[in-house]
Each structure stands twice: as C-alpha cells, then as structure tokens.
C-alpha atoms as a PDB file:
ATOM      1  CA  MET A   1      -2.131   1.985  19.762  1.00  0.00           C
ATOM      2  CA  SER A   2      -4.066  -1.016  21.000  1.00  0.00           C
ATOM      3  CA  SER A   3      -1.960  -3.894  22.293  1.00  0.00           C
ATOM      4  CA  ARG A   4      -4.622  -6.307  21.055  1.00  0.00           C
ATOM      5  CA  THR A   5      -4.560  -5.319  17.379  1.00  0.00           C
ATOM      6  CA  GLY A   6      -2.138  -2.433  16.863  1.00  0.00           C
ATOM      7  CA  LEU A   7      -5.028  -0.256  15.688  1.00  0.00           C
ATOM      8  CA  GLY A   8      -5.574   3.312  16.850  1.00  0.00           C
ATOM      9  CA  ALA A   9      -8.627   4.417  18.823  1.00  0.00           C
ATOM     10  CA  PRO A  10     -10.320   6.086  15.806  1.00  0.00           C
ATOM     11  CA  GLU A  11      -9.898   2.920  13.742  1.00  0.00           C
ATOM     12  CA  VAL A  12     -11.419   0.786  16.486  1.00  0.00           C
ATOM     13  CA  ALA A  13     -14.269   3.294  16.807  1.00  0.00           C
ATOM     14  CA  VAL A  14     -14.997   2.944  13.077  1.00  0.00           C
ATOM     15  CA  LEU A  15     -15.193  -0.846  13.356  1.00  0.00           C
ATOM     16  CA  ALA A  16     -17.482  -0.591  16.383  1.00  0.00           C
ATOM     17  CA  ALA A  17     -19.767   1.915  14.625  1.00  0.00           C
ATOM     18  CA  VAL A  18     -20.177  -0.322  11.583  1.00  0.00           C
ATOM     19  CA  ALA A  19     -20.899  -3.330  13.789  1.00  0.00           C
ATOM     20  CA  GLU A  20     -23.421  -1.477  15.920  1.00  0.00           C
ATOM     21  CA  LEU A  21     -25.333  -0.544  12.766  1.00  0.00           C
ATOM     22  CA  GLY A  22     -25.460  -4.214  11.809  1.00  0.00           C
ATOM     23  CA  GLY A  23     -22.814  -4.117   9.081  1.00  0.00           C
ATOM     24  CA  MET A  24     -21.306  -7.511   9.803  1.00  0.00           C
ATOM     25  CA  PRO A  25     -19.732  -9.830   7.205  1.00  0.00           C
ATOM     26  CA  GLY A  26     -22.395 -11.479   5.076  1.00  0.00           C
ATOM     27  CA  LYS A  27     -25.035  -8.947   6.134  1.00  0.00           C
ATOM     28  CA  ARG A  28     -26.315  -5.962   4.190  1.00  0.00           C
ATOM     29  CA  ARG A  29     -23.941  -3.024   3.936  1.00  0.00           C
ATOM     30  CA  ARG A  30     -24.890   0.077   5.910  1.00  0.00           C
ATOM     31  CA  GLY A  31     -24.928   3.661   4.682  1.00  0.00           C
ATOM     32  CA  THR A  32     -21.544   5.294   5.119  1.00  0.00           C
ATOM     33  CA  ALA A  33     -23.145   8.572   6.194  1.00  0.00           C
ATOM     34  CA  LEU A  34     -24.796   6.757   9.125  1.00  0.00           C
ATOM     35  CA  VAL A  35     -21.456   5.239  10.089  1.00  0.00           C
ATOM     36  CA  LEU A  36     -19.811   8.671  10.032  1.00  0.00           C
ATOM     37  CA  GLU A  37     -22.542  10.092  12.257  1.00  0.00           C
ATOM     38  CA  ALA A  38     -21.955   7.269  14.747  1.00  0.00           C
ATOM     39  CA  VAL A  39     -18.189   7.826  14.673  1.00  0.00           C
ATOM     40  CA  GLU A  40     -18.647  11.535  15.355  1.00  0.00           C
ATOM     41  CA  ARG A  41     -20.918  10.821  18.323  1.00  0.00           C
ATOM     42  CA  GLU A  42     -18.348   8.432  19.767  1.00  0.00           C
ATOM     43  CA  THR A  43     -15.096  10.261  19.037  1.00  0.00           C
ATOM     44  CA  GLY A  44     -15.932  13.813  17.954  1.00  0.00           C
ATOM     45  CA  LEU A  45     -14.196  13.090  14.645  1.00  0.00           C
ATOM     46  CA  ALA A  46     -16.315  14.813  11.978  1.00  0.00           C
ATOM     47  CA  ALA A  47     -17.055  13.386   8.550  1.00  0.00           C
ATOM     48  CA  ARG A  48     -14.426  15.389   6.624  1.00  0.00           C
ATOM     49  CA  TYR A  49     -11.734  13.722   8.720  1.00  0.00           C
ATOM     50  CA  ALA A  50     -13.391  10.356   9.311  1.00  0.00           C
ATOM     51  CA  TYR A  51     -14.328   9.534   5.697  1.00  0.00           C
ATOM     52  CA  PRO A  52     -10.678   9.330   4.528  1.00  0.00           C
ATOM     53  CA  LEU A  53     -10.048   7.063   7.512  1.00  0.00           C
ATOM     54  CA  LEU A  54     -12.784   4.709   6.316  1.00  0.00           C
ATOM     55  CA  GLN A  55     -11.203   4.725   2.866  1.00  0.00           C
ATOM     56  CA  ASP A  56      -7.836   3.767   4.374  1.00  0.00           C
ATOM     57  CA  LEU A  57      -9.454   0.787   6.079  1.00  0.00           C
ATOM     58  CA  ALA A  58     -11.424  -0.311   3.010  1.00  0.00           C
ATOM     59  CA  LEU A  59      -9.101  -0.088   0.003  1.00  0.00           C
ATOM     60  CA  PRO A  60      -6.908  -3.081  -0.927  1.00  0.00           C
ATOM     61  CA  TRP A  61      -4.148  -0.843  -2.303  1.00  0.00           C
ATOM     62  CA  ARG A  62      -3.674   0.678   1.167  1.00  0.00           C
ATOM     63  CA  LEU A  63      -3.888  -2.417   3.395  1.00  0.00           C
ATOM     64  CA  HIS A  64      -2.895  -6.031   2.891  1.00  0.00           C
ATOM     65  CA  LEU A  65      -5.986  -7.021   4.870  1.00  0.00           C
ATOM     66  CA  PRO A  66      -8.749  -4.404   4.526  1.00  0.00           C
ATOM     67  CA  LEU A  67     -10.953  -4.124   7.604  1.00  0.00           C
ATOM     68  CA  LEU A  68     -13.996  -2.809   5.754  1.00  0.00           C
ATOM     69  CA  ASP A  69     -15.916  -4.193   2.785  1.00  0.00           C
ATOM     70  CA  PRO A  70     -17.090  -1.167   0.777  1.00  0.00           C
ATOM     71  CA  GLY A  71     -19.934  -0.770  -1.697  1.00  0.00           C
ATOM     72  CA  GLY A  72     -20.337   1.958  -4.291  1.00  0.00           C
ATOM     73  CA  ASN A  73     -17.710   4.331  -5.626  1.00  0.00           C
ATOM     74  CA  TRP A  74     -14.846   4.539  -3.125  1.00  0.00           C
ATOM     75  CA  GLY A  75     -12.386   6.038  -5.591  1.00  0.00           C
ATOM     76  CA  SER A  76      -9.854   4.370  -7.837  1.00  0.00           C
ATOM     77  CA  ARG A  77      -6.137   3.861  -8.247  1.00  0.00           C
ATOM     78  CA  GLN A  78      -6.296   6.265 -11.157  1.00  0.00           C
ATOM     79  CA  GLY A  79      -6.842   8.992  -8.567  1.00  0.00           C
ATOM     80  CA  ASP A  80     -10.612   9.403  -8.901  1.00  0.00           C
ATOM     81  CA  PRO A  81     -12.143  10.608  -5.610  1.00  0.00           C
ATOM     82  CA  ALA A  82     -14.741   8.648  -3.680  1.00  0.00           C
ATOM     83  CA  ALA A  83     -18.390   9.522  -4.101  1.00  0.00           C
ATOM     84  CA  SER A  84     -20.257  11.332  -1.349  1.00  0.00           C
ATOM     85  CA  ALA A  85     -20.700   9.307   1.820  1.00  0.00           C
ATOM     86  CA  ARG A  86     -24.441   9.447   1.159  1.00  0.00           C
ATOM     87  CA  SER A  87     -23.844   7.378  -1.982  1.00  0.00           C
ATOM     88  CA  THR A  88     -21.625   4.650  -0.534  1.00  0.00           C
ATOM     89  CA  GLU A  89     -22.099   1.734   1.827  1.00  0.00           C
ATOM     90  CA  VAL A  90     -19.878  -0.362   4.020  1.00  0.00           C
ATOM     91  CA  ARG A  91     -19.724  -3.378   6.285  1.00  0.00           C
ATOM     92  CA  LEU A  92     -16.980  -5.166   8.191  1.00  0.00           C
ATOM     93  CA  SER A  93     -14.728  -7.548   6.320  1.00  0.00           C
ATOM     94  CA  GLU A  94     -13.958 -10.889   7.950  1.00  0.00           C
ATOM     95  CA  VAL A  95     -10.657  -9.441   9.153  1.00  0.00           C
ATOM     96  CA  GLY A  96     -12.402  -6.338  10.473  1.00  0.00           C
ATOM     97  CA  ALA A  97     -14.883  -8.456  12.432  1.00  0.00           C
ATOM     98  CA  LEU A  98     -11.997 -10.487  13.865  1.00  0.00           C
ATOM     99  CA  ALA A  99     -10.127  -7.319  14.849  1.00  0.00           C
ATOM    100  CA  LEU A 100     -13.186  -5.993  16.657  1.00  0.00           C
ATOM    101  CA  ALA A 101     -13.638  -9.319  18.437  1.00  0.00           C
ATOM    102  CA  ALA A 102     -10.004  -9.127  19.555  1.00  0.00           C
ATOM    103  CA  GLU A 103     -10.556  -5.601  20.880  1.00  0.00           C
ATOM    104  CA  ARG A 104     -13.556  -6.872  22.847  1.00  0.00           C
ATOM    105  CA  GLN A 105     -11.437  -9.756  24.185  1.00  0.00           C
ATOM    106  CA  GLU A 106     -13.729 -12.303  22.573  1.00  0.00           C
ATOM    107  CA  VAL A 107     -10.686 -13.815  20.845  1.00  0.00           C
ATOM    108  CA  GLY A 108      -6.939 -13.533  21.335  1.00  0.00           C
ATOM    109  CA  PRO A 109      -4.855 -10.606  20.021  1.00  0.00           C
ATOM    110  CA  VAL A 110      -4.528 -10.172  16.247  1.00  0.00           C
ATOM    111  CA  PRO A 111      -1.194  -8.793  14.919  1.00  0.00           C
ATOM    112  CA  LEU A 112      -2.515  -6.217  12.458  1.00  0.00           C
ATOM    113  CA  GLY A 113      -0.046  -3.599  13.667  1.00  0.00           C
ATOM    114  CA  LEU A 114       2.894  -5.893  12.873  1.00  0.00           C
ATOM    115  CA  ILE A 115       1.482  -6.583   9.413  1.00  0.00           C
ATOM    116  CA  GLU A 116       0.145  -3.225   8.244  1.00  0.00           C
ATOM    117  CA  GLY A 117       2.445  -0.766  10.015  1.00  0.00           C
ATOM    118  CA  SER A 118       1.519   2.904   9.699  1.00  0.00           C
ATOM    119  CA  LEU A 119       2.815   3.894   6.244  1.00  0.00           C
ATOM    120  CA  TYR A 120      -0.708   3.726   4.805  1.00  0.00           C
ATOM    121  CA  ARG A 121      -1.755   6.603   7.064  1.00  0.00           C
ATOM    122  CA  GLY A 122       1.407   8.651   6.638  1.00  0.00           C
ATOM    123  CA  GLY A 123       3.407   7.089   9.471  1.00  0.00           C
ATOM    124  CA  PRO A 124       6.976   5.764   9.343  1.00  0.00           C
ATOM    125  CA  VAL A 125       6.348   2.021   9.843  1.00  0.00           C
ATOM    126  CA  PRO A 126       6.177  -0.003   6.600  1.00  0.00           C
ATOM    127  CA  PRO A 127       3.971  -3.080   6.158  1.00  0.00           C
ATOM    128  CA  PHE A 128       5.164  -6.677   6.025  1.00  0.00           C
ATOM    129  CA  ALA A 129       3.851  -9.784   4.288  1.00  0.00           C
ATOM    130  CA  PRO A 130       0.955 -11.167   6.386  1.00  0.00           C
ATOM    131  CA  ALA A 131       1.860 -14.829   5.888  1.00  0.00           C
ATOM    132  CA  ARG A 132       5.512 -14.238   6.863  1.00  0.00           C
ATOM    133  CA  VAL A 133       4.510 -12.381  10.027  1.00  0.00           C
ATOM    134  CA  LEU A 134       2.088 -15.114  11.088  1.00  0.00           C
ATOM    135  CA  GLU A 135       4.635 -17.835  10.311  1.00  0.00           C
ATOM    136  CA  ALA A 136       7.186 -16.122  12.544  1.00  0.00           C
ATOM    137  CA  LEU A 137       4.692 -15.670  15.391  1.00  0.00           C
ATOM    138  CA  VAL A 138       3.466 -19.263  15.256  1.00  0.00           C
ATOM    139  CA  SER A 139       6.964 -20.782  15.048  1.00  0.00           C
ATOM    140  CA  GLY A 140       8.595 -18.391  17.491  1.00  0.00           C
ATOM    141  CA  GLY A 141      10.824 -17.132  14.691  1.00  0.00           C
ATOM    142  CA  THR A 142      12.414 -13.708  14.391  1.00  0.00           C
ATOM    143  CA  ASP A 143      12.372 -13.175  10.624  1.00  0.00           C
ATOM    144  CA  ALA A 144       9.322 -11.784   8.824  1.00  0.00           C
ATOM    145  CA  GLY A 145      11.295 -10.809   5.750  1.00  0.00           C
ATOM    146  CA  PRO A 146      11.652  -7.321   4.264  1.00  0.00           C
ATOM    147  CA  PRO A 147       8.795  -4.838   3.978  1.00  0.00           C
ATOM    148  CA  VAL A 148       6.155  -5.813   1.413  1.00  0.00           C
ATOM    149  CA  LEU A 149       3.617  -3.296   0.127  1.00  0.00           C
ATOM    150  CA  PRO A 150      -0.016  -4.165  -0.656  1.00  0.00           C
ATOM    151  CA  THR A 151       0.506  -2.518  -4.058  1.00  0.00           C
ATOM    152  CA  GLY A 152       3.459  -4.769  -4.891  1.00  0.00           C
ATOM    153  CA  GLY A 153       6.537  -3.246  -6.476  1.00  0.00           C
ATOM    154  CA  THR A 154      10.106  -3.299  -5.250  1.00  0.00           C
ATOM    155  CA  VAL A 155      11.471  -2.254  -1.865  1.00  0.00           C
ATOM    156  CA  ASP A 156      15.182  -1.493  -1.560  1.00  0.00           C
ATOM    157  CA  GLY A 157      17.545   0.719   0.384  1.00  0.00           C
ATOM    158  CA  GLY A 158      18.465   0.487   4.050  1.00  0.00           C
ATOM    159  CA  ILE A 159      16.446  -2.640   4.814  1.00  0.00           C
ATOM    160  CA  SER A 160      18.965  -4.105   7.266  1.00  0.00           C
ATOM    161  CA  THR A 161      19.187  -0.793   9.136  1.00  0.00           C
ATOM    162  CA  LEU A 162      15.399  -0.595   9.290  1.00  0.00           C
ATOM    163  CA  LEU A 163      14.985  -4.147  10.612  1.00  0.00           C
ATOM    164  CA  ALA A 164      17.635  -3.433  13.249  1.00  0.00           C
ATOM    165  CA  GLY A 165      15.513  -0.542  14.541  1.00  0.00           C
ATOM    166  CA  GLY A 166      17.314   2.357  12.893  1.00  0.00           C
ATOM    167  CA  ARG A 167      15.961   5.156  10.758  1.00  0.00           C
ATOM    168  CA  ALA A 168      16.341   4.267   7.079  1.00  0.00           C
ATOM    169  CA  ARG A 169      15.492   5.734   3.712  1.00  0.00           C
ATOM    170  CA  ILE A 170      13.615   3.120   1.710  1.00  0.00           C
ATOM    171  CA  THR A 171      13.383   3.174  -2.071  1.00  0.00           C
ATOM    172  CA  ILE A 172      10.020   1.996  -3.381  1.00  0.00           C
ATOM    173  CA  GLY A 173       9.949   1.185  -7.079  1.00  0.00           C
ATOM    174  CA  SER A 174       7.468   0.117  -9.713  1.00  0.00           C
ATOM    175  CA  THR A 175       7.403  -3.336 -11.252  1.00  0.00           C
ATOM    176  CA  ILE A 176       8.346  -3.117 -14.932  1.00  0.00           C
ATOM    177  CA  ALA A 177       7.810  -5.887 -17.478  1.00  0.00           C
ATOM    178  CA  HIS A 178       9.561  -6.106 -20.836  1.00  0.00           C
ATOM    179  CA  GLU A 179       7.508  -6.528 -24.002  1.00  0.00           C
ATOM    180  CA  PRO A 180       8.736  -6.189 -27.599  1.00  0.00           C
ATOM    181  CA  GLY A 181       9.367  -2.512 -28.236  1.00  0.00           C
ATOM    182  CA  ARG A 182       8.030  -1.334 -24.892  1.00  0.00           C
ATOM    183  CA  LEU A 183       8.237  -1.405 -21.120  1.00  0.00           C
ATOM    184  CA  VAL A 184       5.055  -1.986 -19.128  1.00  0.00           C
ATOM    185  CA  ILE A 185       4.598  -0.768 -15.559  1.00  0.00           C
ATOM    186  CA  THR A 186       2.353  -3.257 -13.733  1.00  0.00           C
ATOM    187  CA  GLU A 187       2.770  -2.250 -10.083  1.00  0.00           C
ATOM    188  CA  ILE A 188       3.352   1.231  -8.652  1.00  0.00           C
ATOM    189  CA  PRO A 189       4.405   2.556  -5.227  1.00  0.00           C
ATOM    190  CA  MET A 190       1.806   2.795  -2.481  1.00  0.00           C
ATOM    191  CA  GLY A 191       0.306   6.266  -2.306  1.00  0.00           C
ATOM    192  CA  VAL A 192       0.982   6.991  -5.991  1.00  0.00           C
ATOM    193  CA  THR A 193      -1.964   7.212  -8.388  1.00  0.00           C
ATOM    194  CA  ILE A 194      -1.823   5.813 -11.909  1.00  0.00           C
ATOM    195  CA  ASP A 195      -2.781   9.179 -13.393  1.00  0.00           C
ATOM    196  CA  LEU A 196       0.030  10.961 -11.550  1.00  0.00           C
ATOM    197  CA  LEU A 197       2.633   8.442 -12.656  1.00  0.00           C
ATOM    198  CA  ALA A 198       1.512   8.440 -16.296  1.00  0.00           C
ATOM    199  CA  GLU A 199       1.288  12.234 -16.372  1.00  0.00           C
ATOM    200  CA  HIS A 200       4.793  12.731 -14.995  1.00  0.00           C
ATOM    201  CA  LEU A 201       6.296  10.142 -17.328  1.00  0.00           C
ATOM    202  CA  SER A 202       4.588  11.698 -20.330  1.00  0.00           C
ATOM    203  CA  SER A 203       5.710  15.212 -19.391  1.00  0.00           C
ATOM    204  CA  GLN A 204       9.297  14.016 -19.039  1.00  0.00           C
ATOM    205  CA  VAL A 205       9.138  12.302 -22.440  1.00  0.00           C
ATOM    206  CA  HIS A 206       7.693  15.311 -24.248  1.00  0.00           C
ATOM    207  CA  GLY A 207       9.914  17.707 -22.335  1.00  0.00           C
ATOM    208  CA  GLN A 208      12.926  15.677 -23.477  1.00  0.00           C
ATOM    209  CA  SER A 209      14.194  15.512 -19.920  1.00  0.00           C
ATOM    210  CA  SER A 210      17.801  14.381 -19.689  1.00  0.00           C
ATOM    211  CA  PRO A 211      18.551  10.949 -18.265  1.00  0.00           C
ATOM    212  CA  ARG A 212      20.939  10.461 -15.402  1.00  0.00           C
ATOM    213  CA  HIS A 213      24.558  11.579 -15.877  1.00  0.00           C
ATOM    214  CA  ALA A 214      25.779   7.956 -16.104  1.00  0.00           C
ATOM    215  CA  ASP A 215      24.027   7.683 -19.479  1.00  0.00           C
ATOM    216  CA  TYR A 216      25.596  10.788 -21.033  1.00  0.00           C
ATOM    217  CA  LEU A 217      27.773  10.213 -24.099  1.00  0.00           C
ATOM    218  CA  PRO A 218      30.577  12.179 -25.848  1.00  0.00           C
ATOM    219  CA  ASP A 219      29.736  13.662 -29.239  1.00  0.00           C
ATOM    220  CA  ALA A 220      31.963  13.744 -32.296  1.00  0.00           C
ATOM    221  CA  VAL A 221      34.130  16.561 -30.935  1.00  0.00           C
ATOM    222  CA  GLY A 222      34.287  15.222 -27.393  1.00  0.00           C
ATOM    223  CA  HIS A 223      31.542  17.267 -25.777  1.00  0.00           C
ATOM    224  CA  VAL A 224      29.446  15.311 -23.287  1.00  0.00           C
ATOM    225  CA  VAL A 225      25.809  15.368 -24.355  1.00  0.00           C
ATOM    226  CA  ALA A 226      22.663  13.564 -23.314  1.00  0.00           C
ATOM    227  CA  PRO A 227      21.389  10.943 -25.753  1.00  0.00           C
ATOM    228  CA  PRO A 228      17.765  11.093 -26.878  1.00  0.00           C
ATOM    229  CA  VAL A 229      15.199   9.995 -24.329  1.00  0.00           C
ATOM    230  CA  PRO A 230      14.688   6.265 -25.026  1.00  0.00           C
ATOM    231  CA  VAL A 231      10.916   6.477 -24.531  1.00  0.00           C
ATOM    232  CA  VAL A 232       8.795   8.067 -27.258  1.00  0.00           C
ATOM    233  CA  GLY A 233       5.308   7.672 -25.802  1.00  0.00           C
ATOM    234  CA  VAL A 234       3.363   6.794 -22.671  1.00  0.00           C
ATOM    235  CA  ALA A 235      -0.126   5.239 -22.689  1.00  0.00           C
ATOM    236  CA  ASP A 236      -2.252   4.358 -19.686  1.00  0.00           C
ATOM    237  CA  GLU A 237      -3.987   1.069 -20.499  1.00  0.00           C
ATOM    238  CA  SER A 238      -5.043   0.395 -16.907  1.00  0.00           C
ATOM    239  CA  SER A 239      -8.543  -0.849 -16.192  1.00  0.00           C
ATOM    240  CA  ALA A 240     -10.549  -2.450 -13.421  1.00  0.00           C
ATOM    241  CA  LEU A 241      -9.827  -5.830 -15.014  1.00  0.00           C
ATOM    242  CA  SER A 242      -6.156  -5.464 -15.952  1.00  0.00           C
ATOM    243  CA  ALA A 243      -5.260  -3.268 -12.957  1.00  0.00           C
ATOM    244  CA  VAL A 244      -2.097  -1.209 -13.468  1.00  0.00           C
ATOM    245  CA  ARG A 245      -0.756  -1.134 -17.016  1.00  0.00           C
ATOM    246  CA  VAL A 246       1.200   1.930 -18.098  1.00  0.00           C
ATOM    247  CA  VAL A 247       2.911   1.301 -21.444  1.00  0.00           C
ATOM    248  CA  CYS A 248       6.136   3.081 -22.363  1.00  0.00           C
ATOM    249  CA  SER A 249       6.859   2.784 -26.096  1.00  0.00           C
ATOM    250  CA  LEU A 250      10.578   2.694 -26.826  1.00  0.00           C
ATOM    251  CA  ARG A 251      12.547   4.539 -29.466  1.00  0.00           C
ATOM    252  CA  ARG A 252      13.624   2.307 -32.326  1.00  0.00           C
ATOM    253  CA  ARG A 253      16.785   0.371 -31.432  1.00  0.00           C
ATOM    254  CA  ALA A 254      16.733   1.766 -27.901  1.00  0.00           C
ATOM    255  CA  ASP A 255      18.791  -0.125 -25.368  1.00  0.00           C
ATOM    256  CA  VAL A 256      16.213  -1.768 -23.114  1.00  0.00           C
ATOM    257  CA  GLY A 257      18.415  -1.655 -20.033  1.00  0.00           C
ATOM    258  CA  ARG A 258      19.089   2.062 -20.407  1.00  0.00           C
ATOM    259  CA  ALA A 259      15.423   2.665 -21.158  1.00  0.00           C
ATOM    260  CA  GLU A 260      14.388   0.946 -17.942  1.00  0.00           C
ATOM    261  CA  ARG A 261      16.956   2.933 -15.952  1.00  0.00           C
ATOM    262  CA  TRP A 262      15.557   6.133 -17.438  1.00  0.00           C
ATOM    263  CA  VAL A 263      11.950   5.175 -16.630  1.00  0.00           C
ATOM    264  CA  ARG A 264      12.906   4.295 -13.066  1.00  0.00           C
ATOM    265  CA  SER A 265      14.687   7.635 -12.653  1.00  0.00           C
ATOM    266  CA  VAL A 266      11.409   9.509 -13.164  1.00  0.00           C
ATOM    267  CA  TRP A 267       9.415  10.370 -10.037  1.00  0.00           C
ATOM    268  CA  PRO A 268       7.033   8.796  -9.000  1.00  0.00           C
ATOM    269  CA  VAL A 269       7.964   5.586 -10.832  1.00  0.00           C
ATOM    270  CA  THR A 270      10.423   5.388  -7.966  1.00  0.00           C
ATOM    271  CA  ILE A 271       9.992   7.206  -4.672  1.00  0.00           C
ATOM    272  CA  GLU A 272      11.905   7.388  -1.400  1.00  0.00           C
ATOM    273  CA  VAL A 273      10.350   7.170   2.058  1.00  0.00           C
ATOM    274  CA  ASP A 274      11.948   7.656   5.477  1.00  0.00           C
ATOM    275  CA  CYS A 275      10.975   4.709   7.671  1.00  0.00           C
ATOM    276  CA  ARG A 276      11.596   3.542  11.196  1.00  0.00           C
ATOM    277  CA  LEU A 277      10.263   0.690  13.310  1.00  0.00           C
ATOM    278  CA  PRO A 278       9.307   1.274  16.954  1.00  0.00           C
ATOM    279  CA  ALA A 279      11.807  -1.458  17.878  1.00  0.00           C
ATOM    280  CA  PRO A 280      14.002  -3.939  16.003  1.00  0.00           C
ATOM    281  CA  MET A 281      11.791  -6.353  14.069  1.00  0.00           C
ATOM    282  CA  ARG A 282      13.256  -9.323  15.899  1.00  0.00           C
ATOM    283  CA  ARG A 283      12.228  -7.803  19.244  1.00  0.00           C
ATOM    284  CA  ARG A 284       8.781  -6.834  17.961  1.00  0.00           C
ATOM    285  CA  LEU A 285       8.078 -10.431  16.953  1.00  0.00           C
ATOM    286  CA  LEU A 286       9.420 -11.956  20.167  1.00  0.00           C
ATOM    287  CA  ALA A 287       7.689  -9.432  22.427  1.00  0.00           C
ATOM    288  CA  TRP A 288       4.269  -9.568  20.798  1.00  0.00           C
ATOM    289  CA  ASP A 289       1.748 -11.159  23.176  1.00  0.00           C
ATOM    290  CA  ARG A 290      -0.341 -13.660  21.233  1.00  0.00           C
ATOM    291  CA  GLY A 291      -2.415 -14.544  24.280  1.00  0.00           C
ATOM    292  CA  ASP A 292      -4.019 -17.955  23.875  1.00  0.00           C
ATOM    293  CA  GLY A 293      -3.211 -17.913  20.178  1.00  0.00           C
ATOM    294  CA  SER A 294      -6.851 -17.966  19.110  1.00  0.00           C
ATOM    295  CA  GLY A 295      -6.596 -14.617  17.293  1.00  0.00           C
ATOM    296  CA  VAL A 296      -3.630 -15.759  15.229  1.00  0.00           C
ATOM    297  CA  SER A 297      -5.322 -19.085  14.495  1.00  0.00           C
ATOM    298  CA  ALA A 298      -8.457 -17.291  13.297  1.00  0.00           C
ATOM    299  CA  LEU A 299      -6.455 -14.890  11.120  1.00  0.00           C
ATOM    300  CA  ARG A 300      -4.402 -17.532   9.299  1.00  0.00           C
ATOM    301  CA  PRO A 301      -7.180 -18.824   6.998  1.00  0.00           C
ATOM    302  CA  LEU A 302      -8.224 -15.252   6.212  1.00  0.00           C
ATOM    303  CA  VAL A 303      -4.657 -14.465   5.119  1.00  0.00           C
ATOM    304  CA  GLN A 304      -4.614 -17.562   2.908  1.00  0.00           C
ATOM    305  CA  GLU A 305      -7.851 -16.399   1.264  1.00  0.00           C
ATOM    306  CA  ALA A 306      -6.653 -12.823   0.720  1.00  0.00           C
ATOM    307  CA  PRO A 307      -5.809 -11.903  -2.904  1.00  0.00           C
ATOM    308  CA  GLY A 308      -2.105 -11.684  -3.721  1.00  0.00           C
END
C-alpha cells in the first residue's frame, strides 16, 4: 500500500488512467471502457476484474470519500448490477484528483488509508469518520473514535480490542426508526443490498421463524413456546430520493421493543465481521507521516463538503 495515500497499486493505476484520458474534476467524463483498456495496458488487470474496482472507488455506499465521479448506471443499493462499461462514464472526483496529486508528490500525503480502511474491498480494516481522523492528525491527537461506515448504521462489539490492535468480531447493525404500528429500517450494513435484506426479512416473517430463546414464553400448561412473530409484513419503500426505507408492519398490540429485537436478530439486518487493524489506532495516527501538511489541508474542505 502506498505510504502517500494508503491506496493499492491497482487503485492508483485507475486514477492515473482516468487522468491521462482527461477525466479531471469539472471536465467531461470519459468512457469507462477506454479507462479499462488503459488500466489493462498499465497493470495487466483485465476488464472483468478492473470494472468492480472502479465501482468500489465510485460508489458513496462503499467509500466515505469516493475517488471517482461516475456517470450512467453504476448499479444501485437495491442490488441492481452496473450497466456495461461501454454505457458508463467516469472522471476523477476532487478527492481522487487530490489523491493522484499526492501520489505524484505534487502535494503532501493524504490519509485515505486511515479513513477508508480495506473493508470495502473485503479486507479486515474498517473505515473511520473522515473528520475525526483529520482532527486527530492536525491536533496530534490519538483518538479518531470508533469505526464509522459510509452506509451509516450501528457498530458494536470488540471496539476497544480492535483499537488496541487485536483481532475483534464487530457487529454491524441497521438503523431502525419507530413509527406508529411499524419499524422502519433507514440504514443497512455495508455490503448488504436492500433487496437481500427485505427478502430475508419477508421470508422469516412468512416462514414464522422463531425469535430468540429469550423471548419464548410458557403456555397454559407450562410448556415453553415461541410467541407469534411480531412483524406481519415487510415492504421496501426505498427510492433514489428517500434512500433506504424498509417498512416492517407490526402485529396489533405487539411489544415494540421485542419487535425490534426480533428484526435485529434476522440476518442481514445485523451482520458480524472479523476485523483487525495493522497496528493500534493510536500508533497509526502518531506514526502517519503528514509531510508538509499540504495534503491534509487540501483534504479538509473536501471532507466538510462531503454528504453525511
């Protein structure tokens, strides 16, 4: 991984290919197929492998700070696949252009590796909040907070063990809002599609899956039985405008607390991920070489402008 950005060689090659084709911020997007041809010439990485890499770098539900600015159909959080590379376009985002400038030593190092980690590409390092990481680096602090996913949601489990440099199992959960007679899922774990989550919830509801043992109750003769599933229906009301909105209609007079526990017990409303940092977070922050600080200074306004 590059010491100047934390990016891997294929990721840097993608940024360079887009730039060489003229796909800079504010300029016209370039055909993705042309970018993939350039990446293959430079790295030998063919389109079937490189196109998913471009998607990782372009989609805001995979990175806090996407490095590419895509045009056309690049897939959706519902799980729809991207269109053919011949039908999409791309250019560098402002952050992507800054990262490439850092790689070319035109500006100081940019701490993308500290922010984004490697979880988005199947690695063990979770991401952290960009503003917290930059605040720690600028102030010389050692606390960037717990992991924060670009998709939102909750992060629990062995956080202290993880930050100390140990291997930890992290529990990533959905954000659930309460509305009269229903629970509404508004944020889901990174890597989970809306369709998958809604499908699994619905199948559990209609299959009358039993809740966790802690919710079992004795019947009239003392036998322990599972109460009815507190959710009677699941509807996906997500859209490009409202983002994630999966509505779980509750059984009449259902206990809302028990209903939420049941919803959270269904995979992939909640998932578990094994994570590990390459070093304790305190050491990673203190050891990171910010050079003349110009890269961090240039990144700060871009973080403030980023959605969420």
